[in-house]
Protein backbone atom coordinates (compact mmCIF):
# COMPACT_ATOMS: atom_id res chain seq x y z
CA UNK A 1 -0.14 0.05 0.33
CA UNK A 2 1.15 3.48 -0.62
CA UNK A 3 2.59 5.15 2.39
CA UNK A 4 0.90 8.70 1.36
CA UNK A 5 -2.46 6.99 1.53
CA UNK A 6 -1.87 4.85 4.49
CA UNK A 7 -0.68 8.13 6.73
CA UNK A 8 -3.70 10.06 5.17
CA UNK A 9 -6.11 7.36 6.15
CA UNK A 10 -4.92 7.13 9.62
CA UNK A 11 -4.73 10.84 10.03
CA UNK A 12 -8.35 10.85 9.45
CA UNK A 13 -9.04 7.40 11.49
CA UNK A 14 -7.49 9.20 14.52
CA UNK A 15 -9.05 12.59 14.12
CA UNK A 16 -12.45 10.95 13.96
CA UNK A 17 -11.22 9.25 17.60
CA UNK A 18 -10.52 12.74 18.83
CA UNK A 19 -13.77 14.41 17.82
CA UNK A 20 -15.75 11.54 19.23
CA UNK A 21 -13.94 12.40 22.80
CA UNK A 22 -14.74 16.13 22.00
CA UNK A 23 -18.44 15.11 21.28
CA UNK A 24 -18.19 13.00 24.32
CA UNK A 25 -17.23 16.15 26.61
CA UNK A 26 -19.50 18.64 24.85
CA UNK A 27 -22.62 16.37 25.27
CA UNK A 28 -21.72 16.52 29.18
CA UNK A 29 -21.54 20.24 29.30
CA UNK A 30 -24.52 20.37 31.43
CA UNK A 31 -23.70 17.32 33.50
CA UNK A 32 -23.04 18.03 37.18
CA UNK A 33 -19.63 17.22 38.49
CA UNK A 34 -18.39 15.91 34.98
CA UNK A 35 -14.76 15.91 34.60
CA UNK A 36 -14.08 16.26 31.10
CA UNK A 37 -11.99 14.00 28.99
CA UNK A 38 -8.19 14.79 27.61
CA UNK A 39 -7.10 13.22 24.47
CA UNK A 40 -3.75 14.27 22.66
CA UNK A 41 -1.75 13.10 19.51
CA UNK A 42 1.49 11.23 19.43
CA UNK A 43 3.80 10.63 16.37
CA UNK A 44 4.64 7.33 15.34
CA UNK A 45 6.52 5.95 12.74
CA UNK A 46 5.16 3.89 9.89
CA UNK A 47 6.61 0.27 10.15
CA UNK A 48 7.17 -1.84 7.08
CA UNK A 49 9.72 -3.04 4.68
CA UNK A 50 11.76 -0.09 2.97
CA UNK A 51 13.09 3.47 4.60
CA UNK A 52 11.48 4.81 7.23
CA UNK A 53 10.39 7.90 5.45
CA UNK A 54 6.64 8.23 7.25
CA UNK A 55 5.00 9.21 10.39
CA UNK A 56 1.66 9.45 11.06
CA UNK A 57 -0.57 10.62 14.37
CA UNK A 58 -2.24 8.55 16.95
CA UNK A 59 -4.59 10.09 19.10
CA UNK A 60 -5.53 8.47 22.61
CA UNK A 61 -6.95 9.66 26.04
CA UNK A 62 -4.78 10.82 28.33
CA UNK A 63 -6.73 10.99 31.50
CA UNK A 64 -9.39 13.91 32.57
CA UNK A 65 -9.06 17.48 33.23
CA UNK A 66 -9.17 17.35 37.26
CA UNK A 67 -10.26 21.29 37.42
CA UNK A 68 -13.24 21.65 39.99
CA UNK A 69 -16.28 23.04 38.34
CA UNK A 70 -18.11 26.31 39.54
CA UNK A 71 -20.36 25.57 42.10
CA UNK A 72 -23.90 26.68 41.58
CA UNK A 73 -26.61 27.13 44.37
CA UNK A 74 -29.67 25.24 44.42
CA UNK A 75 -31.08 25.58 47.71
CA UNK A 76 -32.31 22.03 47.89
CA UNK A 77 -31.46 20.13 51.14
CA UNK A 78 -30.44 16.83 49.05
CA UNK A 79 -27.91 18.80 46.89
CA UNK A 80 -24.27 18.35 47.60
CA UNK A 81 -20.84 19.82 45.90
CA UNK A 82 -17.57 18.66 47.06
CA UNK A 83 -15.04 21.87 48.11
CA UNK A 84 -11.86 21.00 46.36
CA UNK A 85 -10.61 17.34 45.83
CA UNK A 86 -12.32 14.18 46.62
CA UNK A 87 -15.22 12.06 45.82
CA UNK A 88 -18.47 10.59 47.18
CA UNK A 89 -18.75 6.84 47.53
CA UNK A 90 -21.49 5.17 46.04
CA UNK A 91 -22.56 1.36 44.99
CA UNK A 92 -22.12 0.87 41.41
CA UNK A 93 -24.50 -1.59 39.01
CA UNK A 94 -21.92 -4.28 39.92
CA UNK A 95 -22.02 -4.15 43.46
CA UNK A 96 -18.84 -2.75 44.12
CA UNK A 97 -17.54 0.67 45.17
CA UNK A 98 -17.60 3.16 43.05
CA UNK A 99 -16.84 7.01 43.22
CA UNK A 100 -18.47 10.36 41.80
CA UNK A 101 -18.69 14.08 41.93
CA UNK A 102 -22.43 14.15 40.93
CA UNK A 103 -24.04 15.46 44.14
CA UNK A 104 -27.71 15.91 42.93
CA UNK A 105 -29.34 13.11 45.69
CA UNK A 106 -32.75 11.81 46.08
CA UNK A 107 -34.40 9.37 48.68
CA UNK A 108 -35.96 6.45 46.81
CA UNK A 109 -39.51 4.89 48.06
CA UNK A 110 -37.63 2.40 50.19
CA UNK A 111 -35.86 5.32 52.14
CA UNK A 112 -32.87 4.92 50.59
CA UNK A 113 -30.36 7.95 49.80
CA UNK A 114 -29.59 7.52 46.00
CA UNK A 115 -27.60 9.28 43.46
CA UNK A 116 -30.24 11.03 40.58
CA UNK A 117 -28.99 8.21 38.58
CA UNK A 118 -29.99 5.52 40.79
CA UNK A 119 -26.73 4.39 42.46
CA UNK A 120 -26.78 3.81 46.37
CA UNK A 121 -24.96 6.48 48.34
CA UNK A 122 -22.59 4.63 50.79
CA UNK A 123 -22.19 5.56 54.24
CA UNK A 124 -19.13 4.34 56.83
CA UNK A 125 -20.88 1.20 57.30
CA UNK A 126 -22.83 0.51 53.93
CA UNK A 127 -25.73 2.37 51.83
CA UNK A 128 -27.32 4.78 53.68
CA UNK A 129 -31.18 4.67 54.29
CA UNK A 130 -33.04 7.74 55.65
CA UNK A 131 -35.71 7.47 58.05
CA UNK A 132 -39.22 9.56 57.93
CA UNK A 133 -38.59 13.06 58.40
CA UNK A 134 -39.78 16.38 58.65
CA UNK A 135 -36.60 18.24 57.94
CA UNK A 136 -32.86 16.97 56.49
CA UNK A 137 -29.86 19.03 56.78
CA UNK A 138 -25.98 17.38 55.53
CA UNK A 139 -23.16 18.92 57.39
CA UNK A 140 -19.75 20.07 55.46
CA UNK A 141 -18.31 16.29 56.95
CA UNK A 142 -21.28 14.56 55.08
CA UNK A 143 -23.31 14.03 58.61
CA UNK A 144 -26.94 13.55 57.76
CA UNK A 145 -29.41 15.01 60.79
CA UNK A 146 -32.85 14.73 60.85
CA UNK A 147 -36.07 15.50 62.59
CA UNK A 148 -38.12 12.81 62.97
CA UNK A 149 -41.60 12.89 61.24
CA UNK A 150 -44.24 14.19 63.81
CA UNK A 151 -41.61 15.61 66.26
CA UNK A 152 -39.90 19.28 67.16
CA UNK A 153 -36.32 20.53 66.34
CA UNK A 154 -35.10 19.28 69.93
CA UNK A 155 -35.34 15.81 68.60
CA UNK A 156 -32.85 16.04 65.94
CA UNK A 157 -30.76 13.15 65.21
CA UNK A 158 -27.58 12.32 63.41
CA UNK A 159 -28.35 9.14 61.41
CA UNK A 160 -24.96 8.35 59.29
CA UNK A 161 -22.36 9.99 56.94
CA UNK A 162 -21.58 10.11 53.59
CA UNK A 163 -18.32 8.21 52.72
CA UNK A 164 -16.16 10.84 51.19
CA UNK A 165 -12.28 9.88 49.89
CA UNK A 166 -9.50 11.36 48.15
CA UNK A 167 -7.32 8.83 47.24
CA UNK A 168 -5.44 10.96 44.35
CA UNK A 169 -6.27 11.47 41.11
CA UNK A 170 -3.28 9.46 39.88
CA UNK A 171 -4.59 6.31 41.56
CA UNK A 172 -8.11 6.42 39.77
CA UNK A 173 -9.43 4.86 36.39
CA UNK A 174 -12.90 6.07 35.02
CA UNK A 175 -14.93 3.60 33.74
CA UNK A 176 -17.15 3.61 30.74
CA UNK A 177 -20.15 4.05 33.25
CA UNK A 178 -18.64 7.61 34.30
CA UNK A 179 -17.72 6.49 37.65
CA UNK A 180 -14.08 6.69 39.26
CA UNK A 181 -12.42 3.35 40.94
CA UNK A 182 -9.03 2.43 42.53
CA UNK A 183 -6.50 1.04 39.78
CA UNK A 184 -5.92 -1.86 42.25
CA UNK A 185 -9.55 -2.73 42.77
CA UNK A 186 -9.96 -2.05 46.56
CA UNK A 187 -11.96 0.30 48.10
CA UNK A 188 -10.74 3.60 49.42
CA UNK A 189 -10.63 4.91 53.20
CA UNK A 190 -12.86 7.47 54.28
CA UNK A 191 -11.15 10.76 54.58
CA UNK A 192 -12.06 13.48 57.23
CA UNK A 193 -10.50 16.30 55.51
CA UNK A 194 -12.82 15.96 52.41
CA UNK A 195 -15.82 18.85 52.83
CA UNK A 196 -19.07 19.53 51.11
CA UNK A 197 -21.29 22.27 50.59
CA UNK A 198 -24.98 21.71 50.94
CA UNK A 199 -27.82 23.18 48.96
CA UNK A 200 -25.36 23.35 45.90
CA UNK A 201 -24.19 21.49 42.84
CA UNK A 202 -20.96 21.72 41.21
CA UNK A 203 -20.79 22.08 37.42
CA UNK A 204 -19.11 20.64 34.54
CA UNK A 205 -15.37 21.58 34.19
CA UNK A 206 -15.88 20.85 30.16
CA UNK A 207 -15.32 24.77 28.45
CA UNK A 208 -18.13 24.45 25.77
CA UNK A 209 -16.67 27.44 24.02
CA UNK A 210 -13.21 26.03 23.55
CA UNK A 211 -14.89 22.52 22.59
CA UNK A 212 -16.65 24.07 20.13
CA UNK A 213 -13.67 25.75 18.71
CA UNK A 214 -11.89 22.24 18.59
CA UNK A 215 -14.85 20.47 16.88
CA UNK A 216 -14.59 22.86 14.39
CA UNK A 217 -10.72 22.57 13.49
CA UNK A 218 -11.02 18.65 14.18
CA UNK A 219 -13.70 19.00 11.25
CA UNK A 220 -11.59 20.55 9.13
CA UNK A 221 -8.59 18.59 10.03
CA UNK A 222 -10.59 15.45 8.77
CA UNK A 223 -11.51 17.12 5.45
CA UNK A 224 -7.82 17.86 4.91
CA UNK A 225 -7.27 14.21 5.10
CA UNK A 226 -10.16 13.28 2.87
CA UNK A 227 -8.50 15.28 0.48
CA UNK A 228 -4.85 13.60 0.95
CA UNK A 229 -6.71 10.48 0.12
CA UNK A 230 -8.16 11.46 -3.19
CA UNK A 231 -5.07 12.95 -4.03
CA UNK A 232 -3.05 9.82 -3.32
CA UNK A 233 -6.13 8.27 -5.44
CA UNK A 234 -5.56 10.39 -8.06
CA UNK A 235 -1.52 9.84 -7.98
CA UNK A 236 -2.15 6.08 -8.59
CA UNK A 237 -4.55 6.65 -11.26
CA UNK A 238 -2.26 8.69 -12.76
CA UNK A 239 1.03 6.28 -12.27
CA UNK A 240 -1.04 3.37 -13.69
CA UNK A 241 -2.09 5.16 -16.87
CA UNK A 242 1.59 6.00 -17.25
CA UNK A 243 2.27 2.61 -17.29
CA UNK A 244 -0.07 1.63 -19.61
CA UNK A 245 1.37 4.45 -22.15
């Protein structure tokens, strides 16, 4: 295969891969607590017979943007936003412990504290249950206090504490479900230094304007690679014509 055609084809394929990551970020520009994917191009030599005279670019995801998103005040008792680094522990679909920064919590019909996507929120001893109550408050350390239903404020009781962890971003992997997990598969210990704000949510850290500009640039790069593929095809046709002459 002509190396020029191979390089152009590879460029188009890798540009589409970069566009996929960028589109994923844009789609989550309004997702609470979302961390943008980071991707980068790296040069690779075309391996094969003959002199190594061609280089192509390979795109890969290099991690995620660790910038903390802006806090949005909601005033809702079950909305929480982490202050600085850290994660909220939840029970993933596979039953294992995982971590998220999404703080729009709900209490389901069974009284279990859940994320908006239906994942149980974990406390120090497992999933948290919320008894019937007339009011609820979440403290900066994750402690949940309620006034039992039908009773006065003098009966306020602490029923549990949200497990919050901060193992360090370099020890975490993000899965296809958007949740973070320790690379070694273990559970992170609770960190008493992690704090949260009640009545607020963390916005996505995606820069929508920058992502739109990047989308246009990648689209133009893809068009350039397609033109290069067409040029390689035309060159091949012209060469064949000369040989037949």
